[in-house]
C-alpha atoms as a PDB file:
ATOM      1  CA  MET A   1      -2.491 -13.746 -58.977  1.00  0.00           C
ATOM      2  CA  THR A   2      -0.551 -10.394 -60.176  1.00  0.00           C
ATOM      3  CA  SER A   3       2.341  -9.160 -60.816  1.00  0.00           C
ATOM      4  CA  ALA A   4       2.662  -7.269 -56.990  1.00  0.00           C
ATOM      5  CA  ASP A   5       1.604 -11.007 -55.394  1.00  0.00           C
ATOM      6  CA  PRO A   6       4.771 -11.778 -53.606  1.00  0.00           C
ATOM      7  CA  SER A   7       4.763 -15.502 -54.614  1.00  0.00           C
ATOM      8  CA  PHE A   8       5.023 -13.399 -58.012  1.00  0.00           C
ATOM      9  CA  ALA A   9       7.621 -10.974 -57.635  1.00  0.00           C
ATOM     10  CA  ALA A  10       9.537 -13.811 -56.222  1.00  0.00           C
ATOM     11  CA  ALA A  11       9.504 -15.965 -59.010  1.00  0.00           C
ATOM     12  CA  ALA A  12      10.146 -13.130 -61.773  1.00  0.00           C
ATOM     13  CA  VAL A  13      13.438 -12.341 -60.635  1.00  0.00           C
ATOM     14  CA  SER A  14      14.666 -16.152 -60.098  1.00  0.00           C
ATOM     15  CA  ALA A  15      15.304 -19.297 -61.966  1.00  0.00           C
ATOM     16  CA  LEU A  16      11.979 -18.666 -62.998  1.00  0.00           C
ATOM     17  CA  GLY A  17      12.044 -15.189 -64.394  1.00  0.00           C
ATOM     18  CA  GLY A  18      12.547 -15.780 -67.801  1.00  0.00           C
ATOM     19  CA  LEU A  19       8.563 -17.781 -68.659  1.00  0.00           C
ATOM     20  CA  PRO A  20       6.634 -15.743 -69.809  1.00  0.00           C
ATOM     21  CA  PRO A  21       4.054 -13.421 -67.471  1.00  0.00           C
ATOM     22  CA  PRO A  22       1.464 -15.950 -68.340  1.00  0.00           C
ATOM     23  CA  LEU A  23       3.222 -19.376 -68.266  1.00  0.00           C
ATOM     24  CA  LEU A  24       4.930 -18.219 -64.709  1.00  0.00           C
ATOM     25  CA  ARG A  25       1.574 -17.582 -63.305  1.00  0.00           C
ATOM     26  CA  ARG A  26      -0.147 -21.157 -64.107  1.00  0.00           C
ATOM     27  CA  VAL A  27       3.410 -22.519 -62.577  1.00  0.00           C
ATOM     28  CA  LEU A  28       2.344 -20.667 -59.729  1.00  0.00           C
ATOM     29  CA  THR A  29      -0.872 -22.595 -59.231  1.00  0.00           C
ATOM     30  CA  ASP A  30      -1.804 -23.049 -55.590  1.00  0.00           C
ATOM     31  CA  ALA A  31       2.114 -22.673 -54.376  1.00  0.00           C
ATOM     32  CA  LEU A  32       2.049 -22.116 -51.242  1.00  0.00           C
ATOM     33  CA  LEU A  33       4.679 -19.474 -49.532  1.00  0.00           C
ATOM     34  CA  VAL A  34       6.308 -20.807 -46.295  1.00  0.00           C
ATOM     35  CA  ASP A  35       8.579 -19.881 -42.955  1.00  0.00           C
ATOM     36  CA  VAL A  36      11.150 -22.132 -42.273  1.00  0.00           C
ATOM     37  CA  PRO A  37      13.804 -21.761 -39.491  1.00  0.00           C
ATOM     38  CA  ALA A  38      17.015 -22.793 -39.290  1.00  0.00           C
ATOM     39  CA  GLY A  39      17.900 -26.431 -39.120  1.00  0.00           C
ATOM     40  CA  GLY A  40      14.390 -27.335 -40.014  1.00  0.00           C
ATOM     41  CA  THR A  41      13.967 -29.931 -42.860  1.00  0.00           C
ATOM     42  CA  VAL A  42      12.005 -29.516 -45.693  1.00  0.00           C
ATOM     43  CA  TYR A  43      12.863 -32.498 -47.276  1.00  0.00           C
ATOM     44  CA  ARG A  44      13.712 -36.075 -46.097  1.00  0.00           C
ATOM     45  CA  ASP A  45      15.075 -39.081 -47.702  1.00  0.00           C
ATOM     46  CA  ASP A  46      12.058 -40.669 -50.497  1.00  0.00           C
ATOM     47  CA  ASP A  47       9.343 -38.305 -49.413  1.00  0.00           C
ATOM     48  CA  ASP A  48       7.369 -37.404 -52.360  1.00  0.00           C
ATOM     49  CA  PRO A  49       8.484 -34.956 -55.363  1.00  0.00           C
ATOM     50  CA  ARG A  50       8.667 -31.588 -53.934  1.00  0.00           C
ATOM     51  CA  CYS A  51      10.283 -28.695 -56.201  1.00  0.00           C
ATOM     52  CA  LEU A  52      10.044 -25.863 -54.332  1.00  0.00           C
ATOM     53  CA  LEU A  53      12.143 -21.995 -54.594  1.00  0.00           C
ATOM     54  CA  VAL A  54      14.450 -20.576 -52.281  1.00  0.00           C
ATOM     55  CA  VAL A  55      13.077 -17.192 -51.891  1.00  0.00           C
ATOM     56  CA  ALA A  56      15.350 -16.423 -49.070  1.00  0.00           C
ATOM     57  CA  GLY A  57      18.034 -18.398 -46.377  1.00  0.00           C
ATOM     58  CA  LEU A  58      19.944 -20.904 -47.100  1.00  0.00           C
ATOM     59  CA  ILE A  59      19.830 -24.555 -47.768  1.00  0.00           C
ATOM     60  CA  ARG A  60      21.832 -27.736 -48.004  1.00  0.00           C
ATOM     61  CA  VAL A  61      20.921 -30.710 -49.794  1.00  0.00           C
ATOM     62  CA  VAL A  62      22.881 -34.159 -47.962  1.00  0.00           C
ATOM     63  CA  LEU A  63      23.273 -37.783 -48.032  1.00  0.00           C
ATOM     64  CA  SER A  64      22.533 -39.424 -44.764  1.00  0.00           C
ATOM     65  CA  ALA A  65      24.513 -42.826 -43.877  1.00  0.00           C
ATOM     66  CA  PRO A  66      22.882 -45.180 -41.830  1.00  0.00           C
ATOM     67  CA  ASP A  67      25.567 -44.573 -38.886  1.00  0.00           C
ATOM     68  CA  GLY A  68      24.057 -40.502 -39.108  1.00  0.00           C
ATOM     69  CA  ARG A  69      26.744 -39.524 -41.130  1.00  0.00           C
ATOM     70  CA  THR A  70      25.696 -36.849 -43.121  1.00  0.00           C
ATOM     71  CA  LEU A  71      27.758 -35.254 -46.674  1.00  0.00           C
ATOM     72  CA  THR A  72      26.301 -31.894 -48.038  1.00  0.00           C
ATOM     73  CA  ILE A  73      25.978 -32.224 -51.635  1.00  0.00           C
ATOM     74  CA  ALA A  74      24.672 -29.328 -53.175  1.00  0.00           C
ATOM     75  CA  TYR A  75      23.526 -25.581 -51.174  1.00  0.00           C
ATOM     76  CA  ALA A  76      20.771 -23.743 -52.967  1.00  0.00           C
ATOM     77  CA  ARG A  77      20.121 -19.864 -52.357  1.00  0.00           C
ATOM     78  CA  ALA A  78      17.410 -17.341 -52.698  1.00  0.00           C
ATOM     79  CA  GLY A  79      16.162 -17.362 -56.539  1.00  0.00           C
ATOM     80  CA  GLU A  80      17.328 -20.977 -57.405  1.00  0.00           C
ATOM     81  CA  LEU A  81      15.040 -24.338 -57.636  1.00  0.00           C
ATOM     82  CA  LEU A  82      14.958 -27.152 -55.476  1.00  0.00           C
ATOM     83  CA  GLY A  83      13.613 -30.347 -56.418  1.00  0.00           C
ATOM     84  CA  ALA A  84      13.222 -30.063 -60.337  1.00  0.00           C
ATOM     85  CA  ALA A  85      14.565 -34.180 -60.755  1.00  0.00           C
ATOM     86  CA  THR A  86      11.918 -34.803 -58.304  1.00  0.00           C
ATOM     87  CA  VAL A  87       9.119 -33.784 -60.516  1.00  0.00           C
ATOM     88  CA  VAL A  88      10.703 -35.611 -63.605  1.00  0.00           C
ATOM     89  CA  ALA A  89      11.508 -39.056 -62.498  1.00  0.00           C
ATOM     90  CA  GLY A  90      10.091 -39.228 -58.728  1.00  0.00           C
ATOM     91  CA  PRO A  91      11.441 -39.008 -54.756  1.00  0.00           C
ATOM     92  CA  ALA A  92      15.124 -38.938 -54.556  1.00  0.00           C
ATOM     93  CA  PRO A  93      17.119 -40.684 -51.589  1.00  0.00           C
ATOM     94  CA  VAL A  94      18.346 -36.868 -50.080  1.00  0.00           C
ATOM     95  CA  GLY A  95      17.144 -34.619 -47.384  1.00  0.00           C
ATOM     96  CA  ALA A  96      16.837 -30.578 -47.705  1.00  0.00           C
ATOM     97  CA  GLN A  97      18.067 -29.144 -44.514  1.00  0.00           C
ATOM     98  CA  MET A  98      18.028 -25.258 -43.204  1.00  0.00           C
ATOM     99  CA  VAL A  99      21.567 -23.816 -42.787  1.00  0.00           C
ATOM    100  CA  THR A 100      19.392 -20.163 -42.099  1.00  0.00           C
ATOM    101  CA  ASP A 101      16.192 -19.225 -41.933  1.00  0.00           C
ATOM    102  CA  ALA A 102      14.473 -19.341 -45.308  1.00  0.00           C
ATOM    103  CA  ARG A 103      11.415 -18.811 -46.874  1.00  0.00           C
ATOM    104  CA  LEU A 104      10.543 -20.570 -49.453  1.00  0.00           C
ATOM    105  CA  LEU A 105       7.888 -21.432 -52.132  1.00  0.00           C
ATOM    106  CA  LEU A 106       6.770 -24.733 -52.275  1.00  0.00           C
ATOM    107  CA  LEU A 107       5.388 -25.724 -56.233  1.00  0.00           C
ATOM    108  CA  ARG A 108       2.688 -28.032 -57.159  1.00  0.00           C
ATOM    109  CA  THR A 109       4.167 -30.857 -58.581  1.00  0.00           C
ATOM    110  CA  ARG A 110       0.973 -31.765 -60.451  1.00  0.00           C
ATOM    111  CA  THR A 111       1.582 -28.405 -62.097  1.00  0.00           C
ATOM    112  CA  LEU A 112       5.218 -28.432 -63.184  1.00  0.00           C
ATOM    113  CA  ALA A 113       4.553 -32.014 -64.483  1.00  0.00           C
ATOM    114  CA  HIS A 114       1.963 -31.241 -66.954  1.00  0.00           C
ATOM    115  CA  LEU A 115       3.349 -27.796 -67.695  1.00  0.00           C
ATOM    116  CA  GLY A 116       7.057 -29.883 -68.767  1.00  0.00           C
ATOM    117  CA  GLN A 117       4.780 -32.429 -71.355  1.00  0.00           C
ATOM    118  CA  THR A 118       3.186 -29.708 -72.394  1.00  0.00           C
ATOM    119  CA  GLU A 119       4.665 -26.611 -72.723  1.00  0.00           C
ATOM    120  CA  PRO A 120       8.210 -25.936 -73.989  1.00  0.00           C
ATOM    121  CA  ALA A 121       9.589 -23.603 -72.194  1.00  0.00           C
ATOM    122  CA  VAL A 122       9.138 -25.331 -68.808  1.00  0.00           C
ATOM    123  CA  GLY A 123      10.242 -28.522 -69.714  1.00  0.00           C
ATOM    124  CA  TRP A 124      13.688 -27.042 -71.399  1.00  0.00           C
ATOM    125  CA  LEU A 125      13.891 -24.642 -67.140  1.00  0.00           C
ATOM    126  CA  LEU A 126      13.229 -28.263 -65.983  1.00  0.00           C
ATOM    127  CA  ALA A 127      16.478 -30.102 -67.906  1.00  0.00           C
ATOM    128  CA  GLN A 128      17.891 -27.001 -67.526  1.00  0.00           C
ATOM    129  CA  GLU A 129      17.958 -27.061 -63.573  1.00  0.00           C
ATOM    130  CA  ILE A 130      18.268 -30.945 -63.939  1.00  0.00           C
ATOM    131  CA  ALA A 131      21.717 -30.191 -65.740  1.00  0.00           C
ATOM    132  CA  ARG A 132      22.778 -27.372 -63.040  1.00  0.00           C
ATOM    133  CA  ARG A 133      22.289 -30.220 -60.435  1.00  0.00           C
ATOM    134  CA  LEU A 134      24.114 -32.800 -61.543  1.00  0.00           C
ATOM    135  CA  TYR A 135      27.272 -30.635 -62.755  1.00  0.00           C
ATOM    136  CA  ASP A 136      26.735 -29.354 -58.422  1.00  0.00           C
ATOM    137  CA  THR A 137      27.058 -33.368 -58.146  1.00  0.00           C
ATOM    138  CA  ILE A 138      30.087 -34.535 -60.180  1.00  0.00           C
ATOM    139  CA  ASP A 139      32.265 -31.332 -58.628  1.00  0.00           C
ATOM    140  CA  ALA A 140      31.096 -32.867 -54.571  1.00  0.00           C
ATOM    141  CA  VAL A 141      32.091 -36.609 -56.104  1.00  0.00           C
ATOM    142  CA  ALA A 142      34.870 -34.948 -57.265  1.00  0.00           C
ATOM    143  CA  ASP A 143      35.990 -33.322 -54.069  1.00  0.00           C
ATOM    144  CA  THR A 144      34.849 -35.899 -51.706  1.00  0.00           C
ATOM    145  CA  GLY A 145      36.722 -38.977 -53.968  1.00  0.00           C
ATOM    146  CA  PHE A 146      39.597 -36.723 -55.022  1.00  0.00           C
ATOM    147  CA  GLY A 147      40.376 -33.733 -52.921  1.00  0.00           C
ATOM    148  CA  SER A 148      42.044 -33.845 -49.218  1.00  0.00           C
ATOM    149  CA  LEU A 149      39.860 -32.952 -46.177  1.00  0.00           C
ATOM    150  CA  ARG A 150      41.756 -29.466 -46.901  1.00  0.00           C
ATOM    151  CA  GLN A 151      40.017 -29.295 -50.272  1.00  0.00           C
ATOM    152  CA  ARG A 152      37.074 -30.581 -49.137  1.00  0.00           C
ATOM    153  CA  VAL A 153      36.398 -27.767 -46.630  1.00  0.00           C
ATOM    154  CA  ALA A 154      38.145 -24.746 -48.996  1.00  0.00           C
ATOM    155  CA  ARG A 155      35.478 -25.945 -51.345  1.00  0.00           C
ATOM    156  CA  HIS A 156      32.124 -26.021 -49.154  1.00  0.00           C
ATOM    157  CA  LEU A 157      33.498 -22.302 -47.278  1.00  0.00           C
ATOM    158  CA  LEU A 158      33.570 -20.944 -50.510  1.00  0.00           C
ATOM    159  CA  ASP A 159      29.674 -22.906 -51.245  1.00  0.00           C
ATOM    160  CA  LEU A 160      28.558 -20.923 -48.409  1.00  0.00           C
ATOM    161  CA  ALA A 161      30.255 -17.633 -48.710  1.00  0.00           C
ATOM    162  CA  THR A 162      27.229 -14.905 -49.039  1.00  0.00           C
ATOM    163  CA  PRO A 163      28.399 -11.026 -49.393  1.00  0.00           C
ATOM    164  CA  THR A 164      27.541  -8.906 -46.700  1.00  0.00           C
ATOM    165  CA  PRO A 165      26.774  -4.933 -47.037  1.00  0.00           C
ATOM    166  CA  ASP A 166      30.181  -3.942 -46.089  1.00  0.00           C
ATOM    167  CA  GLY A 167      31.778  -6.397 -48.170  1.00  0.00           C
ATOM    168  CA  ARG A 168      32.754  -8.855 -46.744  1.00  0.00           C
ATOM    169  CA  LEU A 169      32.210 -12.584 -47.477  1.00  0.00           C
ATOM    170  CA  ILE A 170      30.804 -14.352 -44.480  1.00  0.00           C
ATOM    171  CA  ALA A 171      30.515 -18.379 -44.294  1.00  0.00           C
ATOM    172  CA  ALA A 172      27.980 -18.560 -41.345  1.00  0.00           C
ATOM    173  CA  VAL A 173      28.869 -22.151 -40.407  1.00  0.00           C
ATOM    174  CA  THR A 174      30.182 -23.480 -37.011  1.00  0.00           C
ATOM    175  CA  GLN A 175      33.260 -25.785 -37.586  1.00  0.00           C
ATOM    176  CA  GLN A 176      31.264 -28.862 -36.160  1.00  0.00           C
ATOM    177  CA  ALA A 177      28.349 -27.903 -39.185  1.00  0.00           C
ATOM    178  CA  LEU A 178      31.807 -27.811 -41.419  1.00  0.00           C
ATOM    179  CA  ALA A 179      33.072 -30.771 -40.211  1.00  0.00           C
ATOM    180  CA  GLU A 180      29.041 -32.987 -40.858  1.00  0.00           C
ATOM    181  CA  ALA A 181      29.163 -31.695 -44.566  1.00  0.00           C
ATOM    182  CA  VAL A 182      32.628 -32.674 -45.082  1.00  0.00           C
ATOM    183  CA  GLY A 183      31.597 -35.806 -43.356  1.00  0.00           C
ATOM    184  CA  SER A 184      34.645 -35.917 -41.516  1.00  0.00           C
ATOM    185  CA  ALA A 185      35.482 -34.746 -37.278  1.00  0.00           C
ATOM    186  CA  ARG A 186      35.448 -31.857 -35.945  1.00  0.00           C
ATOM    187  CA  PRO A 187      39.152 -32.055 -34.716  1.00  0.00           C
ATOM    188  CA  ALA A 188      40.558 -32.335 -37.912  1.00  0.00           C
ATOM    189  CA  VAL A 189      38.567 -29.742 -39.814  1.00  0.00           C
ATOM    190  CA  THR A 190      39.702 -27.344 -36.422  1.00  0.00           C
ATOM    191  CA  ARG A 191      43.009 -28.115 -37.407  1.00  0.00           C
ATOM    192  CA  VAL A 192      42.635 -27.015 -41.127  1.00  0.00           C
ATOM    193  CA  VAL A 193      40.529 -23.735 -40.442  1.00  0.00           C
ATOM    194  CA  ALA A 194      44.022 -23.007 -38.718  1.00  0.00           C
ATOM    195  CA  GLU A 195      45.750 -23.798 -41.373  1.00  0.00           C
ATOM    196  CA  LEU A 196      43.849 -21.651 -43.948  1.00  0.00           C
ATOM    197  CA  ARG A 197      44.333 -18.906 -41.126  1.00  0.00           C
ATOM    198  CA  ALA A 198      47.247 -18.842 -40.784  1.00  0.00           C
ATOM    199  CA  LEU A 199      47.616 -18.512 -44.779  1.00  0.00           C
ATOM    200  CA  GLY A 200      45.789 -15.492 -44.636  1.00  0.00           C
ATOM    201  CA  LEU A 201      43.038 -17.424 -46.487  1.00  0.00           C
ATOM    202  CA  VAL A 202      39.976 -16.395 -43.557  1.00  0.00           C
ATOM    203  CA  ALA A 203      39.424 -15.474 -40.246  1.00  0.00           C
ATOM    204  CA  THR A 204      37.220 -15.787 -37.442  1.00  0.00           C
ATOM    205  CA  ALA A 205      34.299 -13.312 -37.531  1.00  0.00           C
ATOM    206  CA  ALA A 206      30.968 -14.404 -35.803  1.00  0.00           C
ATOM    207  CA  PRO A 207      28.804 -15.919 -36.904  1.00  0.00           C
ATOM    208  CA  GLY A 208      31.392 -18.000 -38.693  1.00  0.00           C
ATOM    209  CA  LEU A 209      34.433 -17.163 -40.471  1.00  0.00           C
ATOM    210  CA  VAL A 210      35.491 -14.731 -43.189  1.00  0.00           C
ATOM    211  CA  ILE A 211      36.878 -15.772 -46.438  1.00  0.00           C
ATOM    212  CA  ARG A 212      39.951 -12.519 -47.039  1.00  0.00           C
ATOM    213  CA  ASP A 213      40.821 -14.067 -50.041  1.00  0.00           C
ATOM    214  CA  ALA A 214      38.487 -15.609 -52.234  1.00  0.00           C
ATOM    215  CA  GLU A 215      40.639 -16.727 -55.327  1.00  0.00           C
ATOM    216  CA  GLY A 216      43.500 -17.735 -52.725  1.00  0.00           C
ATOM    217  CA  LEU A 217      40.852 -20.502 -51.325  1.00  0.00           C
ATOM    218  CA  HIS A 218      39.696 -21.804 -54.474  1.00  0.00           C
ATOM    219  CA  ASP A 219      43.448 -22.410 -55.412  1.00  0.00           C
ATOM    220  CA  GLN A 220      43.171 -24.862 -52.300  1.00  0.00           C
ATOM    221  CA  THR A 221      39.700 -26.744 -53.629  1.00  0.00           C
ATOM    222  CA  TRP A 222      40.314 -29.771 -55.549  1.00  0.00           C
ATOM    223  CA  ALA A 223      39.149 -28.161 -58.771  1.00  0.00           C
ATOM    224  CA  GLY A 224      41.516 -25.106 -57.946  1.00  0.00           C
ATOM    225  CA  SER A 225      44.267 -27.363 -57.872  1.00  0.00           C
ATOM    226  CA  VAL A 226      43.733 -29.106 -61.099  1.00  0.00           C
ATOM    227  CA  SER A 227      43.221 -26.170 -63.183  1.00  0.00           C
ATOM    228  CA  HIS A 228      46.693 -24.856 -62.702  1.00  0.00           C
ATOM    229  CA  ARG A 229      48.345 -27.713 -63.583  1.00  0.00           C
END
């Protein structure tokens, strides 16, 4: 694999980019580049370990209840790794779903596990990724356990927001999908969005909502309200 290879080029500007090129090539041994459409699933509860690099697109990591409800606990964008914990600890009781069309680089978990135990740089990288996801989960638990519906909606809108070429922040999400992400009913979420719109924090813009005041919206989250106490 050379630096001109699309997989190597994508990895070099990602969370893997800090690895020395020769070691990065070993990490990418037998890696597979795939395209998955919006709504597709790349990992289901307790599947075999899988670690992937998001090359393009947006993915959400969800917990599912027996009655079909889902709760989003993390998002992953281009340049981020997903599944590092499964390399170390085995299958996880979560799912990974495409919010948008996505291009993914599927890494060989056996190779990562071996290098994680024999190459300190790879082991430290895996530890950093697991720690980052742990902090994401702590934030999600805090928002879910302590936050009001408005605070949970505000957090997910910020998590979903992506900058556009014209400088706007767009959360490309339907109100139904937003309701599923925060574990609530659509009518309740619709009321919250209307309240945020009335405050001038968001506005309707295809294909979702534009974030007009990111700092103000952050103040509506549980973390934002705690920081002002």
